[in-house]
Amino acid sequence: MKAYVIEQPGGPEALQLRDIASPEPDADEVRIRVRAFGLNRAEAYLRAGKMGPISTPRVPGIEAVGEVMDDPAGRFRTGQRVATAMGGLQFGRNGSYAEQVTVLRDNVIALDEADLSWEELAALPEAYLTVWGALDRRVAIQPGQSLLVRGATSSVGLAAVAYAKARGLTVIATTRSAANRARLLEIGADHALVDDGEIAAAVRGLVPGGVDAALEVVGASTLRDTVRSVRPFGAVAVIGLLGGPPVLEQFHLMQDLPGAVAVSFFPSGLLGTPALPLRDSPLPWIAAEVAAGRMPSLRAQTFEFEQVRRAHSLMDSDSALGKLVVRI
């Protein structure tokens, strides 16, 4: 099968198209014929050498959609439409930038009823599953609440806005560029703020008592300000590191952390583990909502398999304003 392989770190040119063997699935695995996959920062970080040395060739990619080729346990039938994300993809096993991928069965979700193209389906798994884990399982959002999404023009930030709005929340979203406000409002944000590094006062101007919850996509560089936007007994879930290293210098628990505000980090590596089984995920419902037009498409642009380098160049430019997808 053909797959993209990283043999040494670098720019998009480090992605080399190779012929490699397709591993047979073990008893706890499923082999999938990949039809499309979304691009993620994790793959760019791997390619650039920011996730440790590359001592052996690595196939990047942490998500895919496609058809089941082989399931030794018989839980999924041959030809069944499915999605997969995480479960060691690109880290402990070959990733999804390939014609075929073998994945852990617990990281496979059936999408039988999804009336969407492969390209549209590929825009869903990693972003929406991460948002679901952070918002539903970590901060326990409820209809009627208010949510701040800090760093909302990233693909996962856009997914958070669309998902929270579909769940009945009032959503305040931030962007560093005034030119992006229209995109956030289009996706479903009730308010779009231009982020100059300190937005807590503006958020409290909209919600005087503070928002019920916040999703922090920027990371450590804005966390102090984000927590000041949240009401007592509210919660903040950190899911992104767009603003730099995940380190807070001289964080004062009494001065920097408002009373009774909970802060946690949600890693998408929990997806499919016993702590967060994917059988409970809303991905089939999300696919149905997108197909019906009740939730917006996050897909910004689709590339052919031979154009993966070009897709990485666009991802590196930070100008996509949505999910980049590769079709096989």
Foldseek 3Di string as FASTA:
>chain_A
DWAWKQQFADALVSTDIDDDDADDEDQQKWKFQFFKAWDDVVQNCVNRCVVHGRPDIWGAAFKTWGFTCDHNVPPHDGRFTKIFGAQQDRHNAHHDLDRMHMHGPLRIDTQRPQPDDRQLLNQPDPLQLLLCCCDCVPQNDAAPFEEEEEALLDASSLNNQLVCVLRHYAYEYEDQDPVCQVVSVVQPHPHYYRCPLACLVVLCVVVVQAGQEYEAACAQSNVLRNQSRHHALHEYEYEHNNNHDRDHPPDDCDPRHPHRYYYYYRYSNCESPPVHGCVPPCSSVVSVCCVVVVGDGQEQEEAESVCSSVVSVVVVVVPRSGIYMYGD
